Amino acid sequence: MLYIILGIVALLLVHAWVMSTKPRKINWAASHVVITGGSSGIGLCTALMAVKRGAHVTILARNVEKLKAAQKTLESARVNGVSGHYCC
C-alpha cells in the first residue's frame, strides 16, 4: 500500500513539474531548417511555417519540377528578404 501511495505522489510531482515549465521561444531568424520531402505535403507546410517566421530554409526533394514550384511558393512567402536553399 505504501508503494502505491508513493507512486501516486511521484506521478503528481512529475505532472506538476511538467505543467509548470514554459515552452522556450525559438529565435527563428538565427535558425537554419533542413526539410526532406519539402516539395509537397507536410514538408512544404513546415517549410512555409519556418520561412514565415524568418528562418533560413533548405528543402530537399526527388522531383525537380515539384521542387522548383515549391521554391516559388516559399520565395513568395519570404519575410524581410530571408533567402533559402533548394536542392534536389
N, C-alpha and C. Protein backbone atom coordinates (compact mmCIF):
# COMPACT_ATOMS: atom_id res chain seq x y z
N MET A 1 0.81 -1.19 0.00
CA MET A 1 0.00 0.00 0.00
C MET A 1 0.86 1.27 0.00
N LEU A 2 1.96 1.23 0.73
CA LEU A 2 2.86 2.38 0.80
C LEU A 2 3.45 2.69 -0.56
N TYR A 3 3.79 1.63 -1.33
CA TYR A 3 4.38 1.84 -2.65
C TYR A 3 3.38 2.48 -3.60
N ILE A 4 2.12 2.14 -3.47
CA ILE A 4 1.10 2.74 -4.33
C ILE A 4 0.97 4.23 -4.02
N ILE A 5 0.95 4.57 -2.75
CA ILE A 5 0.85 5.98 -2.35
C ILE A 5 2.08 6.75 -2.82
N LEU A 6 3.27 6.18 -2.64
CA LEU A 6 4.49 6.85 -3.10
C LEU A 6 4.49 7.01 -4.61
N GLY A 7 4.00 6.01 -5.34
CA GLY A 7 3.92 6.10 -6.79
C GLY A 7 2.99 7.20 -7.24
N ILE A 8 1.84 7.31 -6.58
CA ILE A 8 0.88 8.36 -6.93
C ILE A 8 1.46 9.74 -6.63
N VAL A 9 2.12 9.88 -5.49
CA VAL A 9 2.75 11.16 -5.15
C VAL A 9 3.82 11.52 -6.18
N ALA A 10 4.62 10.53 -6.56
CA ALA A 10 5.67 10.78 -7.55
C ALA A 10 5.06 11.22 -8.88
N LEU A 11 3.99 10.56 -9.32
CA LEU A 11 3.33 10.95 -10.56
C LEU A 11 2.76 12.36 -10.48
N LEU A 12 2.18 12.70 -9.35
CA LEU A 12 1.65 14.05 -9.18
C LEU A 12 2.75 15.10 -9.20
N LEU A 13 3.88 14.80 -8.59
CA LEU A 13 5.01 15.74 -8.61
C LEU A 13 5.56 15.93 -10.02
N VAL A 14 5.70 14.84 -10.75
CA VAL A 14 6.20 14.93 -12.13
C VAL A 14 5.21 15.71 -12.98
N HIS A 15 3.94 15.43 -12.82
CA HIS A 15 2.91 16.15 -13.59
C HIS A 15 2.96 17.65 -13.28
N ALA A 16 3.08 18.00 -12.02
CA ALA A 16 3.14 19.42 -11.64
C ALA A 16 4.38 20.09 -12.22
N TRP A 17 5.52 19.38 -12.23
CA TRP A 17 6.75 19.95 -12.78
C TRP A 17 6.62 20.16 -14.29
N VAL A 18 6.07 19.18 -14.99
CA VAL A 18 5.93 19.28 -16.45
C VAL A 18 4.98 20.42 -16.80
N MET A 19 3.91 20.55 -16.08
CA MET A 19 2.93 21.59 -16.38
C MET A 19 3.44 22.98 -16.02
N SER A 20 4.42 23.07 -15.13
CA SER A 20 4.92 24.38 -14.73
C SER A 20 6.00 24.93 -15.63
N THR A 21 6.63 24.07 -16.43
CA THR A 21 7.69 24.55 -17.31
C THR A 21 7.08 25.25 -18.51
N LYS A 22 7.62 26.38 -18.87
CA LYS A 22 7.12 27.15 -20.00
C LYS A 22 7.90 26.76 -21.26
N PRO A 23 7.23 26.72 -22.39
CA PRO A 23 7.96 26.41 -23.63
C PRO A 23 8.95 27.52 -23.96
N ARG A 24 10.10 27.12 -24.48
CA ARG A 24 11.11 28.11 -24.87
C ARG A 24 10.73 28.75 -26.18
N LYS A 25 11.07 30.02 -26.32
CA LYS A 25 10.85 30.70 -27.59
C LYS A 25 12.05 30.44 -28.50
N ILE A 26 11.76 30.18 -29.75
CA ILE A 26 12.81 29.90 -30.73
C ILE A 26 13.12 31.18 -31.49
N ASN A 27 14.41 31.49 -31.63
CA ASN A 27 14.84 32.61 -32.44
C ASN A 27 14.93 32.12 -33.88
N TRP A 28 13.83 32.26 -34.61
CA TRP A 28 13.77 31.72 -35.97
C TRP A 28 14.75 32.42 -36.90
N ALA A 29 15.03 33.69 -36.67
CA ALA A 29 15.93 34.42 -37.55
C ALA A 29 17.35 33.86 -37.50
N ALA A 30 17.70 33.22 -36.40
CA ALA A 30 19.04 32.64 -36.25
C ALA A 30 19.03 31.15 -36.54
N SER A 31 17.93 30.62 -37.08
CA SER A 31 17.80 29.18 -37.30
C SER A 31 17.95 28.84 -38.78
N HIS A 32 18.48 27.65 -39.02
CA HIS A 32 18.54 27.10 -40.37
C HIS A 32 17.81 25.76 -40.31
N VAL A 33 16.76 25.64 -41.09
CA VAL A 33 15.92 24.45 -41.07
C VAL A 33 16.15 23.67 -42.35
N VAL A 34 16.42 22.36 -42.22
CA VAL A 34 16.58 21.48 -43.37
C VAL A 34 15.39 20.52 -43.38
N ILE A 35 14.67 20.49 -44.49
CA ILE A 35 13.46 19.67 -44.58
C ILE A 35 13.58 18.74 -45.78
N THR A 36 13.48 17.44 -45.52
CA THR A 36 13.44 16.46 -46.61
C THR A 36 11.98 16.28 -47.00
N GLY A 37 11.75 16.10 -48.28
CA GLY A 37 10.38 15.99 -48.77
C GLY A 37 9.66 17.31 -48.70
N GLY A 38 10.39 18.39 -48.94
CA GLY A 38 9.83 19.72 -48.80
C GLY A 38 9.11 20.25 -50.01
N SER A 39 8.90 19.43 -51.03
CA SER A 39 8.26 19.94 -52.24
C SER A 39 6.74 19.84 -52.19
N SER A 40 6.20 19.10 -51.22
CA SER A 40 4.74 18.98 -51.13
C SER A 40 4.34 18.48 -49.75
N GLY A 41 3.06 18.56 -49.47
CA GLY A 41 2.51 17.98 -48.25
C GLY A 41 3.00 18.63 -46.97
N ILE A 42 3.23 17.79 -45.96
CA ILE A 42 3.64 18.26 -44.65
C ILE A 42 5.00 18.97 -44.73
N GLY A 43 5.90 18.46 -45.57
CA GLY A 43 7.21 19.09 -45.70
C GLY A 43 7.12 20.52 -46.21
N LEU A 44 6.28 20.75 -47.20
CA LEU A 44 6.11 22.11 -47.74
C LEU A 44 5.44 23.01 -46.71
N CYS A 45 4.45 22.50 -46.01
CA CYS A 45 3.78 23.30 -44.97
C CYS A 45 4.76 23.67 -43.86
N THR A 46 5.61 22.74 -43.49
CA THR A 46 6.62 23.01 -42.46
C THR A 46 7.60 24.06 -42.95
N ALA A 47 8.02 23.95 -44.20
CA ALA A 47 8.93 24.93 -44.78
C ALA A 47 8.29 26.31 -44.82
N LEU A 48 7.02 26.38 -45.18
CA LEU A 48 6.31 27.67 -45.21
C LEU A 48 6.24 28.29 -43.82
N MET A 49 5.96 27.47 -42.82
CA MET A 49 5.89 27.96 -41.45
C MET A 49 7.23 28.53 -41.02
N ALA A 50 8.31 27.82 -41.34
CA ALA A 50 9.64 28.29 -40.96
C ALA A 50 10.03 29.56 -41.71
N VAL A 51 9.72 29.63 -42.99
CA VAL A 51 10.05 30.81 -43.79
C VAL A 51 9.29 32.04 -43.29
N LYS A 52 8.01 31.85 -42.98
CA LYS A 52 7.20 32.97 -42.49
C LYS A 52 7.69 33.49 -41.15
N ARG A 53 8.36 32.63 -40.38
CA ARG A 53 8.90 33.05 -39.09
C ARG A 53 10.32 33.61 -39.21
N GLY A 54 10.87 33.61 -40.43
CA GLY A 54 12.16 34.24 -40.65
C GLY A 54 13.35 33.31 -40.68
N ALA A 55 13.15 31.99 -40.67
CA ALA A 55 14.26 31.05 -40.67
C ALA A 55 14.83 30.89 -42.08
N HIS A 56 16.09 30.52 -42.14
CA HIS A 56 16.70 30.12 -43.40
C HIS A 56 16.30 28.67 -43.63
N VAL A 57 15.82 28.36 -44.83
CA VAL A 57 15.26 27.04 -45.08
C VAL A 57 15.96 26.36 -46.25
N THR A 58 16.27 25.08 -46.07
CA THR A 58 16.76 24.23 -47.15
C THR A 58 15.77 23.10 -47.31
N ILE A 59 15.22 22.95 -48.52
CA ILE A 59 14.32 21.83 -48.76
C ILE A 59 14.99 20.87 -49.74
N LEU A 60 14.74 19.62 -49.53
CA LEU A 60 15.27 18.56 -50.38
C LEU A 60 14.10 17.79 -50.96
N ALA A 61 14.21 17.42 -52.24
CA ALA A 61 13.14 16.66 -52.88
C ALA A 61 13.71 15.84 -54.02
N ARG A 62 12.96 14.83 -54.44
CA ARG A 62 13.40 13.98 -55.54
C ARG A 62 12.97 14.51 -56.90
N ASN A 63 11.87 15.22 -56.94
CA ASN A 63 11.31 15.69 -58.20
C ASN A 63 11.69 17.16 -58.42
N VAL A 64 12.44 17.41 -59.46
CA VAL A 64 12.95 18.77 -59.72
C VAL A 64 11.82 19.74 -60.03
N GLU A 65 10.81 19.31 -60.79
CA GLU A 65 9.72 20.20 -61.15
C GLU A 65 8.93 20.62 -59.90
N LYS A 66 8.62 19.66 -59.03
CA LYS A 66 7.91 19.99 -57.79
C LYS A 66 8.77 20.88 -56.89
N LEU A 67 10.07 20.64 -56.93
CA LEU A 67 10.99 21.43 -56.12
C LEU A 67 11.00 22.89 -56.57
N LYS A 68 11.02 23.09 -57.88
CA LYS A 68 11.01 24.46 -58.40
C LYS A 68 9.69 25.16 -58.07
N ALA A 69 8.58 24.43 -58.13
CA ALA A 69 7.28 25.01 -57.77
C ALA A 69 7.26 25.37 -56.29
N ALA A 70 7.81 24.51 -55.46
CA ALA A 70 7.88 24.78 -54.02
C ALA A 70 8.78 25.97 -53.76
N GLN A 71 9.86 26.09 -54.51
CA GLN A 71 10.78 27.21 -54.36
C GLN A 71 10.04 28.53 -54.61
N LYS A 72 9.24 28.58 -55.66
CA LYS A 72 8.49 29.80 -55.96
C LYS A 72 7.50 30.12 -54.84
N THR A 73 6.86 29.08 -54.31
CA THR A 73 5.91 29.27 -53.22
C THR A 73 6.62 29.83 -51.99
N LEU A 74 7.76 29.27 -51.66
CA LEU A 74 8.50 29.72 -50.47
C LEU A 74 9.07 31.11 -50.66
N GLU A 75 9.55 31.43 -51.86
CA GLU A 75 10.11 32.75 -52.10
C GLU A 75 9.02 33.83 -52.01
N SER A 76 7.80 33.49 -52.39
CA SER A 76 6.72 34.48 -52.30
C SER A 76 6.28 34.69 -50.85
N ALA A 77 6.60 33.73 -49.97
CA ALA A 77 6.21 33.84 -48.55
C ALA A 77 7.34 34.39 -47.69
N ARG A 78 8.49 34.72 -48.29
CA ARG A 78 9.64 35.20 -47.52
C ARG A 78 9.31 36.44 -46.72
N VAL A 79 10.00 36.57 -45.60
CA VAL A 79 9.83 37.75 -44.74
C VAL A 79 11.20 38.42 -44.63
N ASN A 80 11.24 39.72 -44.78
CA ASN A 80 12.47 40.50 -44.61
C ASN A 80 13.61 40.03 -45.52
N GLY A 81 13.30 39.56 -46.69
CA GLY A 81 14.34 39.18 -47.64
C GLY A 81 15.15 37.96 -47.27
N VAL A 82 14.63 37.11 -46.38
CA VAL A 82 15.37 35.91 -46.00
C VAL A 82 15.36 34.94 -47.18
N SER A 83 16.53 34.45 -47.51
CA SER A 83 16.63 33.54 -48.64
C SER A 83 16.72 32.11 -48.15
N GLY A 84 16.55 31.19 -49.06
CA GLY A 84 16.65 29.77 -48.72
C GLY A 84 17.45 29.05 -49.77
N HIS A 85 17.68 27.78 -49.51
CA HIS A 85 18.41 26.91 -50.44
C HIS A 85 17.47 25.78 -50.81
N TYR A 86 17.45 25.45 -52.09
CA TYR A 86 16.54 24.44 -52.56
C TYR A 86 17.32 23.45 -53.41
N CYS A 87 17.34 22.22 -52.98
CA CYS A 87 18.16 21.19 -53.63
C CYS A 87 17.30 20.01 -54.05
N CYS A 88 17.82 19.27 -55.02
CA CYS A 88 17.12 18.04 -55.40
C CYS A 88 18.07 16.87 -55.28
